[in-house]
Amino acid sequence: PHYDFIISLAHVTGHVIAGVGAAIKNIAMGLASRGGKLSQHSTVSPSINAKKCKKCGRCKAFCPAGAISAGTEGIYIIDKVKCIGCGECLAVCKHDAVNFSWKQASKIVQEKMAEYALGVISGKEGRMLYANHAIYVTKECDCMAKKDGRIFDDIGIFVSDDPVAVDYATLNVIKEKIGKEYKYDENEPLDPMHQINHGAAVGLGSKSYELIKIK
């Protein structure tokens, strides 16, 4: 309520739970309150692989909910009741010991993203601009805090006043560029179109667009 307009600058990346992160995710997660961020992640339930856990304690040290403790023989465990699903343990673990059931939670999280994005723009119609930077697109989200190589050549910047249209156009051009629909994981693919379809269904925006190329 305390802003007159928003210019969203989103770095397009793959995303371990939404499939793709772009305009919808940028405003939904980026402009939600702390409680809103936790609500959007609330269906995500991590666990620790005992065979990979090195007992370093990084996950426990960084857990904002105090949900991680040392269990049998020092192997860390996650309290499902206390866990808020933020994914911090996954981001800080250097041994690939944290597991998430991403595919199971993906649709619910994407729906929440679209709904939270709608809350952000409500009453701000005509005062929003979205720029998706499909430049140095990486498999992992920037929130993973690690250096990734680009997964295909740079495409450019997509700009619109409609978050659904700009994300839809971005995915369509990526499809043209790589010759197939982009999937975060070919073995267990997540469908990023769910956030776009749900966004259109709840009134966040429209899938209709005209692509005007500017060199």
Protein backbone atom coordinates (compact mmCIF):
# COMPACT_ATOMS: atom_id res chain seq x y z
CA PRO A 1 0.00 0.00 0.00
CA HIS A 2 3.00 2.34 0.40
CA TYR A 3 4.23 2.39 -3.20
CA ASP A 4 2.95 4.28 -6.24
CA PHE A 5 4.33 1.93 -8.90
CA ILE A 6 6.58 -1.09 -9.32
CA ILE A 7 9.22 -1.92 -11.91
CA SER A 8 10.05 -5.62 -11.64
CA LEU A 9 13.50 -6.62 -12.90
CA ALA A 10 13.58 -10.41 -12.93
CA HIS A 11 16.52 -12.62 -13.84
CA VAL A 12 14.97 -15.62 -15.61
CA THR A 13 16.32 -18.89 -14.20
CA GLY A 14 15.30 -22.46 -13.68
CA HIS A 15 13.75 -23.12 -10.30
CA VAL A 16 13.83 -26.28 -8.21
CA ILE A 17 10.16 -26.03 -7.23
CA ALA A 18 8.46 -23.67 -9.71
CA GLY A 19 10.27 -24.97 -12.79
CA VAL A 20 11.06 -21.40 -13.90
CA GLY A 21 11.36 -18.18 -11.95
CA ALA A 22 10.48 -14.94 -13.73
CA ALA A 23 8.05 -12.03 -13.21
CA ILE A 24 5.36 -13.90 -11.26
CA LYS A 25 7.85 -15.41 -8.82
CA ASN A 26 9.78 -12.16 -8.55
CA ILE A 27 6.84 -10.14 -7.26
CA ALA A 28 5.16 -12.99 -5.37
CA MET A 29 8.18 -13.98 -3.31
CA GLY A 30 10.07 -10.71 -3.47
CA LEU A 31 7.25 -8.51 -2.25
CA ALA A 32 5.51 -10.85 0.17
CA SER A 33 5.85 -10.34 3.89
CA ARG A 34 7.93 -12.82 5.89
CA GLY A 35 4.72 -14.64 6.76
CA GLY A 36 3.72 -14.62 3.10
CA LYS A 37 7.03 -16.13 2.03
CA LEU A 38 6.64 -18.86 4.63
CA SER A 39 3.05 -19.50 3.52
CA GLN A 40 4.11 -19.94 -0.09
CA HIS A 41 6.75 -22.48 0.93
CA SER A 42 4.63 -24.21 3.57
CA THR A 43 3.92 -27.35 1.52
CA VAL A 44 7.62 -28.05 0.99
CA SER A 45 8.95 -30.75 3.31
CA PRO A 46 12.72 -31.44 3.42
CA SER A 47 14.55 -34.41 4.87
CA ILE A 48 18.23 -35.24 5.42
CA ASN A 49 19.91 -38.19 3.72
CA ALA A 50 21.78 -39.96 6.52
CA LYS A 51 24.25 -41.55 4.08
CA LYS A 52 25.31 -38.15 2.72
CA CYS A 53 25.19 -36.12 5.94
CA LYS A 54 28.73 -35.20 7.09
CA LYS A 55 27.58 -33.95 10.53
CA CYS A 56 28.98 -30.48 9.80
CA GLY A 57 26.00 -28.68 11.35
CA ARG A 58 25.64 -25.97 8.69
CA CYS A 59 21.96 -26.79 8.17
CA LYS A 60 21.26 -26.43 11.90
CA ALA A 61 23.23 -23.19 12.14
CA PHE A 62 21.33 -21.54 9.30
CA CYS A 63 17.81 -22.90 9.99
CA PRO A 64 15.67 -19.84 10.91
CA ALA A 65 13.02 -21.98 12.61
CA GLY A 66 15.28 -24.04 14.86
CA ALA A 67 13.85 -27.16 13.24
CA ILE A 68 17.12 -29.08 12.82
CA SER A 69 18.94 -31.01 15.53
CA ALA A 70 21.57 -33.70 15.83
CA GLY A 71 19.99 -37.15 16.03
CA THR A 72 21.40 -40.66 16.28
CA GLU A 73 25.19 -40.77 15.90
CA GLY A 74 25.26 -37.03 15.15
CA ILE A 75 23.25 -37.31 11.93
CA TYR A 76 21.01 -34.24 11.65
CA ILE A 77 17.24 -34.55 11.47
CA ILE A 78 14.45 -32.07 10.64
CA ASP A 79 11.40 -31.57 12.85
CA LYS A 80 8.47 -31.56 10.39
CA VAL A 81 6.31 -29.58 12.80
CA LYS A 82 8.78 -26.74 13.26
CA CYS A 83 9.99 -26.70 9.64
CA ILE A 84 8.73 -23.70 7.63
CA GLY A 85 9.85 -25.03 4.26
CA CYS A 86 12.11 -22.06 3.44
CA GLY A 87 14.82 -24.19 1.77
CA GLU A 88 17.72 -22.56 3.64
CA CYS A 89 19.10 -25.99 4.58
CA LEU A 90 19.23 -26.97 0.92
CA ALA A 91 21.00 -23.76 -0.01
CA VAL A 92 23.75 -24.07 2.63
CA CYS A 93 24.40 -27.83 2.56
CA LYS A 94 27.68 -28.53 0.74
CA HIS A 95 27.19 -32.29 0.62
CA ASP A 96 23.89 -32.64 -1.26
CA ALA A 97 22.39 -34.26 1.84
CA VAL A 98 19.07 -32.37 1.90
CA ASN A 99 16.19 -33.84 -0.06
CA PHE A 100 12.91 -32.16 -1.04
CA SER A 101 9.78 -33.63 -2.63
CA TRP A 102 9.69 -30.79 -5.15
CA LYS A 103 7.41 -32.35 -7.72
CA GLN A 104 4.69 -33.10 -5.19
CA ALA A 105 4.61 -29.53 -3.87
CA SER A 106 5.25 -27.69 -7.14
CA LYS A 107 1.66 -27.10 -8.28
CA ILE A 108 0.53 -25.84 -4.89
CA VAL A 109 3.48 -23.47 -4.56
CA GLN A 110 2.97 -22.15 -8.10
CA GLU A 111 -0.70 -21.49 -7.37
CA LYS A 112 0.22 -19.61 -4.19
CA MET A 113 2.78 -17.59 -6.13
CA ALA A 114 0.17 -16.47 -8.65
CA GLU A 115 -2.27 -15.58 -5.89
CA TYR A 116 0.31 -13.63 -3.88
CA ALA A 117 1.37 -11.81 -7.04
CA LEU A 118 -2.27 -10.84 -7.57
CA GLY A 119 -2.32 -9.40 -4.06
CA VAL A 120 0.79 -7.34 -4.83
CA ILE A 121 -0.65 -5.71 -7.95
CA SER A 122 -4.21 -5.25 -6.65
CA GLY A 123 -5.13 -1.58 -6.92
CA LYS A 124 -1.95 -0.80 -8.89
CA GLU A 125 -3.31 -1.51 -12.37
CA GLY A 126 -1.52 0.58 -14.97
CA ARG A 127 1.36 1.32 -12.62
CA MET A 128 3.32 -1.91 -12.98
CA LEU A 129 6.10 -2.79 -15.41
CA TYR A 130 7.80 -6.17 -15.70
CA ALA A 131 11.18 -6.83 -17.34
CA ASN A 132 12.31 -10.44 -17.67
CA HIS A 133 16.03 -10.72 -18.33
CA ALA A 134 16.56 -13.95 -20.29
CA ILE A 135 20.29 -13.35 -20.11
CA TYR A 136 22.76 -15.80 -18.59
CA VAL A 137 19.88 -18.14 -17.78
CA THR A 138 21.00 -20.76 -15.27
CA LYS A 139 19.47 -24.05 -14.17
CA GLU A 140 19.33 -23.01 -10.52
CA CYS A 141 17.67 -19.94 -9.03
CA ASP A 142 19.93 -17.09 -7.88
CA CYS A 143 18.77 -17.85 -4.33
CA MET A 144 20.91 -20.99 -4.38
CA ALA A 145 23.93 -18.67 -4.06
CA LYS A 146 26.29 -20.59 -6.30
CA LYS A 147 27.99 -20.01 -9.63
CA ASP A 148 26.16 -21.73 -12.49
CA GLY A 149 26.91 -21.68 -16.18
CA ARG A 150 24.29 -20.54 -18.68
CA ILE A 151 22.10 -23.36 -20.00
CA PHE A 152 21.50 -21.75 -23.41
CA ASP A 153 22.56 -18.66 -25.30
CA ASP A 154 21.29 -15.26 -24.20
CA ILE A 155 17.92 -14.29 -25.66
CA GLY A 156 17.22 -10.76 -24.49
CA ILE A 157 14.87 -8.77 -22.28
CA PHE A 158 11.07 -9.10 -22.33
CA VAL A 159 9.05 -6.12 -21.12
CA SER A 160 5.31 -5.88 -20.48
CA ASP A 161 2.72 -4.40 -18.13
CA ASP A 162 1.23 -7.89 -17.69
CA PRO A 163 3.12 -10.46 -15.56
CA VAL A 164 1.30 -13.45 -17.04
CA ALA A 165 1.86 -12.33 -20.63
CA VAL A 166 5.55 -11.54 -20.11
CA ASP A 167 6.24 -14.91 -18.45
CA TYR A 168 4.27 -16.75 -21.13
CA ALA A 169 6.12 -14.94 -23.92
CA THR A 170 9.44 -15.65 -22.23
CA LEU A 171 8.74 -19.39 -22.02
CA ASN A 172 7.50 -19.52 -25.62
CA VAL A 173 10.61 -17.84 -26.99
CA ILE A 174 12.83 -20.10 -24.86
CA LYS A 175 10.99 -23.06 -26.41
CA GLU A 176 11.71 -21.69 -29.89
CA LYS A 177 15.33 -21.08 -28.96
CA ILE A 178 16.13 -24.54 -27.56
CA GLY A 179 13.72 -26.48 -29.77
CA LYS A 180 11.61 -27.89 -26.93
CA GLU A 181 9.79 -26.85 -23.77
CA TYR A 182 12.21 -25.98 -21.01
CA LYS A 183 12.15 -28.45 -18.12
CA TYR A 184 14.11 -27.97 -14.92
CA ASP A 185 14.76 -31.71 -14.64
CA GLU A 186 14.20 -34.01 -17.61
CA ASN A 187 13.86 -37.03 -15.32
CA GLU A 188 11.21 -35.47 -13.05
CA PRO A 189 10.08 -32.40 -15.00
CA LEU A 190 8.25 -29.56 -13.28
CA ASP A 191 5.70 -27.68 -15.38
CA PRO A 192 6.22 -23.90 -15.03
CA MET A 193 3.08 -23.33 -17.11
CA HIS A 194 1.01 -24.06 -14.02
CA GLN A 195 1.78 -20.66 -12.48
CA ILE A 196 0.91 -18.96 -15.77
CA ASN A 197 -2.35 -20.84 -16.29
CA HIS A 198 -3.40 -20.28 -12.68
CA GLY A 199 -2.42 -16.63 -12.91
CA ALA A 200 -4.67 -16.19 -15.94
CA ALA A 201 -7.49 -18.07 -14.18
CA VAL A 202 -7.44 -15.85 -11.06
CA GLY A 203 -7.14 -12.57 -12.96
CA LEU A 204 -3.45 -11.83 -12.51
CA GLY A 205 -3.08 -11.23 -16.24
CA SER A 206 -3.65 -12.64 -19.71
CA LYS A 207 -1.82 -15.17 -21.87
CA SER A 208 -2.59 -13.04 -24.93
CA TYR A 209 0.33 -10.95 -26.15
CA GLU A 210 1.94 -9.40 -29.21
CA LEU A 211 5.69 -9.85 -29.47
CA ILE A 212 7.39 -6.72 -30.81
CA LYS A 213 11.10 -7.18 -31.42
CA ILE A 214 13.43 -4.23 -30.92
CA LYS A 215 17.05 -4.52 -31.96
